[in-house]
Amino acid sequence: MLALEVKDLVKFYGELKALDSVSFQVENGEIFGLLGPNGAGKTTLMEIIAGIRNPTSGTIKVFGLDALKDRKEVSKLIGFNPQETMLYDDLTGMENLEFTASLYNMDRSTFKSRLDDLADLMDVKGIIKKRVGKLSGGQKRRIGIIASIIHEPRLLILDEPTVGLDPEARRDFWRIIWKLRDSGSTILLSTHYMEEADELCDRVAIMEGGRIIAIGRPDDLKRKYGGRAKILIYPKLKLLSDTDRLLRNLGYSTKRIVDSLVIEEDEPSELVPHLISEMSERGMRPERVEIRTPTLEDVFLNLTGKPLSEVM
């Protein structure tokens, strides 16, 4: 059974079409990413799936249940962690979690047992009794995730879960998300970090302007839309023009980018040793050579004509 099935979802805010016939499916047990810039429609889509907003039209099924007609039952299956953590700063982490558990009519023994497991998983035992207002952004997110899964949802929705975190804290959070998946959760997350989508997600839907413009496994998307790999050759500056001339005479099409020469190639690892040998024989051994394989940034650029960083 599919964990999530979204079909022809449309959302208007007045004259603005925030979602434009969005359709996709999420398999049970996978991490599925929504990748795109701010304003692409990711948060609106997640809030509709979580039951916070109503769509203008379209259908949503969560583990076979109609999310629009059976909201009470579906709400038990979903955990939603918004971009802005919904915790009370004046309460401790424990008090926030006790309040959340009460919303699900969870008895004390069940809450305690569940919390013991989650506190270990999320590594919060040392901070859970501190007032939330005193915690760091990463610590708040850990408490917020516990609040969203205390009722053991089968589908966890994470809206930009690592935004604002430093690179080390972001990677710590990736490990938490993998643990949640391994413990049985299906995870739908949004991000505008290309590396995050590449590392975390089994499949990715790339969004722009309220539409899904591509969907698939990250490696498949890179092969299909990412273009060819690039070999970046950094000659000694005084030999830049001579090296460029040599490579062209050898039949390679080069581009000059600042102090490097770029050759696009399907199998760069096979070509690089040959290039270095050719240049070395003529006294033009480069200072360094880099191979850059296609990234999801390249995918977005090739699909939209602009880099993601320009539309953030």
Protein backbone atom coordinates (compact mmCIF):
# COMPACT_ATOMS: atom_id res chain seq x y z
CA MET A 1 0.00 0.00 0.00
CA LEU A 2 1.21 3.52 -0.78
CA ALA A 3 1.92 5.73 2.20
CA LEU A 4 0.77 8.84 0.33
CA GLU A 5 -0.99 9.49 -2.96
CA VAL A 6 -1.54 13.07 -4.12
CA LYS A 7 -3.48 13.61 -7.33
CA ASP A 8 -4.20 16.81 -9.28
CA LEU A 9 -3.87 19.04 -6.22
CA VAL A 10 -4.66 22.71 -6.85
CA LYS A 11 -4.57 25.60 -4.39
CA PHE A 12 -5.55 29.20 -5.08
CA TYR A 13 -4.99 32.15 -2.75
CA GLY A 14 -7.27 34.65 -4.43
CA GLU A 15 -5.87 34.98 -7.95
CA LEU A 16 -2.56 33.35 -7.04
CA LYS A 17 -2.24 29.69 -7.98
CA ALA A 18 0.05 28.31 -5.26
CA LEU A 19 -0.25 24.68 -6.41
CA ASP A 20 -0.82 23.72 -10.02
CA SER A 21 -2.11 20.14 -10.54
CA VAL A 22 0.45 18.51 -8.25
CA SER A 23 0.53 14.70 -8.37
CA PHE A 24 2.97 12.22 -6.81
CA GLN A 25 3.14 9.04 -4.74
CA VAL A 26 5.24 8.10 -1.72
CA GLU A 27 6.09 4.47 -1.06
CA ASN A 28 5.76 3.01 2.41
CA GLY A 29 9.10 3.28 4.24
CA GLU A 30 10.86 5.73 1.93
CA ILE A 31 12.26 9.21 2.46
CA PHE A 32 10.68 11.43 -0.18
CA GLY A 33 11.94 14.97 -0.71
CA LEU A 34 10.29 18.11 -2.05
CA LEU A 35 13.14 20.22 -3.43
CA GLY A 36 12.76 23.80 -4.57
CA PRO A 37 13.13 27.48 -3.72
CA ASN A 38 11.04 29.49 -1.30
CA GLY A 39 7.67 30.14 -2.90
CA ALA A 40 7.70 26.91 -4.91
CA GLY A 41 4.66 25.63 -3.01
CA LYS A 42 6.36 23.11 -0.71
CA THR A 43 4.95 24.42 2.58
CA THR A 44 1.44 24.88 1.16
CA LEU A 45 1.52 21.31 -0.14
CA MET A 46 2.66 19.91 3.21
CA GLU A 47 0.10 21.90 5.19
CA ILE A 48 -2.70 20.59 2.96
CA ILE A 49 -1.49 17.00 3.40
CA ALA A 50 -1.29 17.56 7.18
CA GLY A 51 -4.88 18.89 7.22
CA ILE A 52 -3.97 22.45 8.18
CA ARG A 53 -5.24 23.94 4.91
CA ASN A 54 -7.89 22.91 2.41
CA PRO A 55 -7.05 22.48 -1.27
CA THR A 56 -9.07 24.17 -3.98
CA SER A 57 -9.35 20.81 -5.72
CA GLY A 58 -7.65 17.44 -5.94
CA THR A 59 -7.38 14.33 -3.78
CA ILE A 60 -5.03 13.02 -1.09
CA LYS A 61 -4.87 9.48 0.24
CA VAL A 62 -2.82 8.50 3.30
CA PHE A 63 -2.39 4.74 3.61
CA GLY A 64 -5.52 4.35 1.51
CA LEU A 65 -7.67 6.76 3.53
CA ASP A 66 -9.14 9.91 2.02
CA ALA A 67 -7.28 12.68 3.86
CA LEU A 68 -10.00 15.24 3.12
CA LYS A 69 -12.98 13.12 4.18
CA ASP A 70 -11.43 11.02 6.97
CA ARG A 71 -9.38 13.72 8.66
CA LYS A 72 -9.83 12.39 12.18
CA GLU A 73 -8.47 8.97 11.28
CA VAL A 74 -5.76 10.37 9.02
CA SER A 75 -4.55 12.78 11.72
CA LYS A 76 -3.58 9.75 13.82
CA LEU A 77 -1.38 8.51 10.99
CA ILE A 78 0.45 11.80 10.38
CA GLY A 79 3.07 13.68 12.35
CA PHE A 80 3.80 17.22 11.17
CA ASN A 81 6.87 19.23 12.12
CA PRO A 82 6.58 22.75 10.66
CA GLN A 83 9.49 24.99 9.74
CA GLU A 84 8.82 27.16 12.78
CA THR A 85 8.87 24.84 15.79
CA MET A 86 5.50 24.96 17.57
CA LEU A 87 6.74 24.81 21.16
CA TYR A 88 6.02 27.06 24.13
CA ASP A 89 9.22 28.84 25.18
CA ASP A 90 8.03 29.30 28.78
CA LEU A 91 7.54 25.55 29.26
CA THR A 92 10.21 22.89 29.58
CA GLY A 93 10.68 20.34 26.84
CA MET A 94 8.98 17.77 29.05
CA GLU A 95 5.99 20.03 29.70
CA ASN A 96 5.61 20.70 25.98
CA LEU A 97 5.64 16.98 25.25
CA GLU A 98 3.18 16.21 28.05
CA PHE A 99 0.83 18.79 26.56
CA THR A 100 1.18 17.29 23.08
CA ALA A 101 0.53 13.78 24.41
CA SER A 102 -2.63 15.02 26.12
CA LEU A 103 -4.00 16.12 22.74
CA TYR A 104 -3.90 12.46 21.68
CA ASN A 105 -5.46 11.26 24.97
CA MET A 106 -2.29 9.31 25.71
CA ASP A 107 -2.20 7.72 29.15
CA ARG A 108 0.76 8.36 31.44
CA SER A 109 2.39 4.93 31.20
CA THR A 110 2.24 4.91 27.39
CA PHE A 111 3.67 8.43 27.28
CA LYS A 112 6.53 7.54 29.62
CA SER A 113 7.44 4.40 27.69
CA ARG A 114 7.31 6.19 24.35
CA LEU A 115 9.27 9.17 25.63
CA ASP A 116 12.04 7.02 27.08
CA ASP A 117 12.66 5.52 23.63
CA LEU A 118 12.44 8.84 21.79
CA ALA A 119 14.67 10.69 24.27
CA ASP A 120 17.39 8.14 23.55
CA LEU A 121 16.81 8.27 19.81
CA MET A 122 16.90 12.08 19.69
CA ASP A 123 19.61 12.46 22.36
CA VAL A 124 17.66 14.96 24.49
CA LYS A 125 17.81 13.44 27.97
CA GLY A 126 20.18 16.16 29.12
CA ILE A 127 17.96 19.03 27.94
CA ILE A 128 14.39 17.78 28.20
CA LYS A 129 13.80 19.42 31.59
CA LYS A 130 15.15 22.79 30.48
CA ARG A 131 12.90 25.65 29.45
CA VAL A 132 12.54 25.63 25.67
CA GLY A 133 13.37 29.32 25.43
CA LYS A 134 16.87 28.51 26.70
CA LEU A 135 17.57 25.85 24.06
CA SER A 136 19.49 26.22 20.80
CA GLY A 137 17.75 25.98 17.44
CA GLY A 138 18.95 22.43 16.91
CA GLN A 139 17.82 21.36 20.39
CA LYS A 140 14.38 22.88 19.82
CA ARG A 141 14.08 20.95 16.58
CA ARG A 142 14.86 17.69 18.37
CA ILE A 143 12.12 18.35 20.93
CA GLY A 144 9.79 19.43 18.12
CA ILE A 145 10.37 16.17 16.25
CA ILE A 146 9.52 14.18 19.39
CA ALA A 147 6.31 16.20 19.70
CA SER A 148 5.42 15.29 16.13
CA ILE A 149 6.02 11.54 16.58
CA ILE A 150 4.99 10.95 20.21
CA HIS A 151 1.75 9.35 18.95
CA GLU A 152 3.70 6.98 16.64
CA PRO A 153 2.53 8.30 13.25
CA ARG A 154 3.23 6.20 10.19
CA LEU A 155 3.88 9.26 8.00
CA LEU A 156 6.18 12.02 9.26
CA ILE A 157 6.10 15.38 7.45
CA LEU A 158 9.13 17.62 7.98
CA ASP A 159 9.06 21.15 6.55
CA GLU A 160 12.64 22.42 6.04
CA PRO A 161 13.86 20.49 9.12
CA THR A 162 17.46 21.77 8.97
CA VAL A 163 16.99 25.38 7.85
CA GLY A 164 19.18 27.73 9.87
CA LEU A 165 21.37 24.96 11.29
CA ASP A 166 25.13 24.99 10.80
CA PRO A 167 26.63 22.23 8.59
CA GLU A 168 27.61 20.02 11.53
CA ALA A 169 24.18 20.27 13.17
CA ARG A 170 22.55 19.63 9.79
CA ARG A 171 24.46 16.37 9.37
CA ASP A 172 23.55 15.35 12.92
CA PHE A 173 19.93 15.85 11.92
CA TRP A 174 20.37 13.68 8.83
CA ARG A 175 21.42 10.83 11.08
CA ILE A 176 18.26 11.33 13.15
CA ILE A 177 16.09 11.21 10.03
CA TRP A 178 17.75 7.98 8.92
CA LYS A 179 17.09 6.50 12.38
CA LEU A 180 13.42 7.49 12.14
CA ARG A 181 13.16 5.82 8.74
CA ASP A 182 14.89 2.71 10.06
CA SER A 183 12.44 2.59 12.98
CA GLY A 184 9.54 2.28 10.51
CA SER A 185 8.49 5.82 9.60
CA THR A 186 7.75 7.02 6.09
CA ILE A 187 9.14 10.54 5.75
CA LEU A 188 8.11 13.42 3.51
CA LEU A 189 10.47 16.37 3.85
CA SER A 190 11.01 19.66 2.09
CA THR A 191 14.36 21.33 1.57
CA HIS A 192 16.12 23.86 -0.61
CA TYR A 193 19.52 22.32 0.14
CA MET A 194 20.66 20.30 -2.88
CA GLU A 195 23.18 18.26 -0.90
CA GLU A 196 20.55 17.41 1.69
CA ALA A 197 18.10 16.11 -0.90
CA ASP A 198 20.88 14.11 -2.55
CA GLU A 199 22.11 12.55 0.70
CA LEU A 200 18.79 11.91 2.45
CA CYS A 201 16.14 11.12 -0.08
CA ASP A 202 15.25 7.89 -1.84
CA ARG A 203 13.31 9.97 -4.35
CA VAL A 204 12.91 13.69 -5.00
CA ALA A 205 10.25 15.88 -6.57
CA ILE A 206 11.66 19.16 -7.86
CA MET A 207 9.17 22.01 -7.51
CA GLU A 208 8.99 25.44 -9.09
CA GLY A 209 6.07 27.83 -9.32
CA GLY A 210 3.63 25.46 -7.66
CA ARG A 211 4.38 22.61 -10.07
CA ILE A 212 6.43 19.44 -9.95
CA ILE A 213 8.82 19.70 -12.89
CA ALA A 214 10.74 16.45 -12.34
CA ILE A 215 10.52 13.45 -10.05
CA GLY A 216 12.78 10.46 -9.45
CA ARG A 217 15.79 9.10 -7.63
CA PRO A 218 18.55 11.72 -7.28
CA ASP A 219 21.04 9.71 -9.35
CA ASP A 220 18.47 9.12 -12.08
CA LEU A 221 17.60 12.83 -12.22
CA LYS A 222 21.28 13.74 -12.47
CA ARG A 223 21.81 11.26 -15.31
CA LYS A 224 18.74 12.46 -17.17
CA TYR A 225 18.90 16.22 -16.64
CA GLY A 226 22.28 17.02 -15.09
CA GLY A 227 24.35 17.19 -18.25
CA ARG A 228 27.86 15.85 -18.70
CA ALA A 229 30.58 15.71 -16.09
CA LYS A 230 33.16 18.51 -16.12
CA ILE A 231 36.93 18.26 -15.98
CA LEU A 232 38.45 21.44 -14.51
CA ILE A 233 42.10 21.90 -15.39
CA TYR A 234 44.12 24.53 -13.51
CA PRO A 235 47.34 25.27 -15.41
CA LYS A 236 50.01 27.61 -14.18
CA LEU A 237 48.64 31.07 -14.92
CA LYS A 238 51.45 31.95 -17.31
CA LEU A 239 50.64 28.79 -19.30
CA LEU A 240 46.85 29.21 -19.36
CA SER A 241 46.63 30.35 -22.98
CA ASP A 242 49.25 27.86 -24.19
CA THR A 243 47.47 24.99 -22.42
CA ASP A 244 44.14 26.06 -23.89
CA ARG A 245 45.71 26.08 -27.36
CA LEU A 246 47.25 22.66 -26.81
CA LEU A 247 43.98 21.07 -25.71
CA ARG A 248 42.13 22.53 -28.66
CA ASN A 249 44.82 21.24 -31.03
CA LEU A 250 44.35 17.79 -29.47
CA GLY A 251 40.66 17.98 -30.40
CA TYR A 252 39.08 18.94 -27.07
CA SER A 253 36.48 21.68 -26.76
CA THR A 254 37.41 23.89 -23.81
CA LYS A 255 35.82 26.74 -21.90
CA ARG A 256 37.87 29.25 -19.94
CA ILE A 257 36.40 30.04 -16.52
CA VAL A 258 38.61 32.46 -14.59
CA ASP A 259 41.91 30.56 -14.13
CA SER A 260 40.67 27.14 -15.25
CA LEU A 261 39.91 25.28 -18.45
CA VAL A 262 36.76 23.16 -18.55
CA ILE A 263 36.14 20.09 -20.69
CA GLU A 264 32.78 18.32 -20.62
CA GLU A 265 33.05 14.53 -20.81
CA ASP A 266 30.88 11.46 -20.23
CA GLU A 267 33.70 9.34 -18.77
CA PRO A 268 36.05 11.87 -17.12
CA SER A 269 37.98 9.41 -14.94
CA GLU A 270 39.21 7.62 -18.06
CA LEU A 271 40.27 10.84 -19.82
CA VAL A 272 42.07 12.66 -16.99
CA PRO A 273 45.23 10.47 -16.90
CA HIS A 274 45.59 10.85 -20.67
CA LEU A 275 45.21 14.65 -20.47
CA ILE A 276 47.79 14.96 -17.69
CA SER A 277 50.22 12.81 -19.68
CA GLU A 278 49.73 14.88 -22.85
CA MET A 279 50.29 18.15 -21.01
CA SER A 280 53.26 16.86 -18.99
CA GLU A 281 55.06 15.68 -22.12
CA ARG A 282 54.93 19.27 -23.40
CA GLY A 283 56.04 20.87 -20.14
CA MET A 284 52.54 22.02 -19.21
CA ARG A 285 51.69 19.76 -16.29
CA PRO A 286 48.68 21.40 -14.55
CA GLU A 287 48.77 22.50 -10.93
CA ARG A 288 45.60 20.51 -10.28
CA VAL A 289 42.72 18.77 -12.04
CA GLU A 290 39.19 18.35 -10.65
CA ILE A 291 36.28 16.22 -11.79
CA ARG A 292 32.82 17.57 -11.09
CA THR A 293 29.97 15.18 -11.66
CA PRO A 294 26.42 16.53 -12.22
CA THR A 295 24.54 17.66 -9.11
CA LEU A 296 20.90 18.39 -8.37
CA GLU A 297 21.86 22.07 -8.74
CA ASP A 298 22.75 21.26 -12.37
CA VAL A 299 19.41 19.46 -12.73
CA PHE A 300 17.50 22.52 -11.47
CA LEU A 301 19.55 24.85 -13.69
CA ASN A 302 19.00 22.74 -16.80
CA LEU A 303 15.27 22.38 -16.15
CA THR A 304 14.54 26.00 -15.26
CA GLY A 305 17.33 27.98 -16.91
CA LYS A 306 18.44 29.50 -13.60
CA PRO A 307 20.39 28.28 -10.57
CA LEU A 308 18.46 27.61 -7.38
CA SER A 309 20.52 30.25 -5.54
CA GLU A 310 19.07 32.96 -7.79
CA VAL A 311 15.45 32.13 -6.96
CA MET A 312 15.78 31.77 -3.20
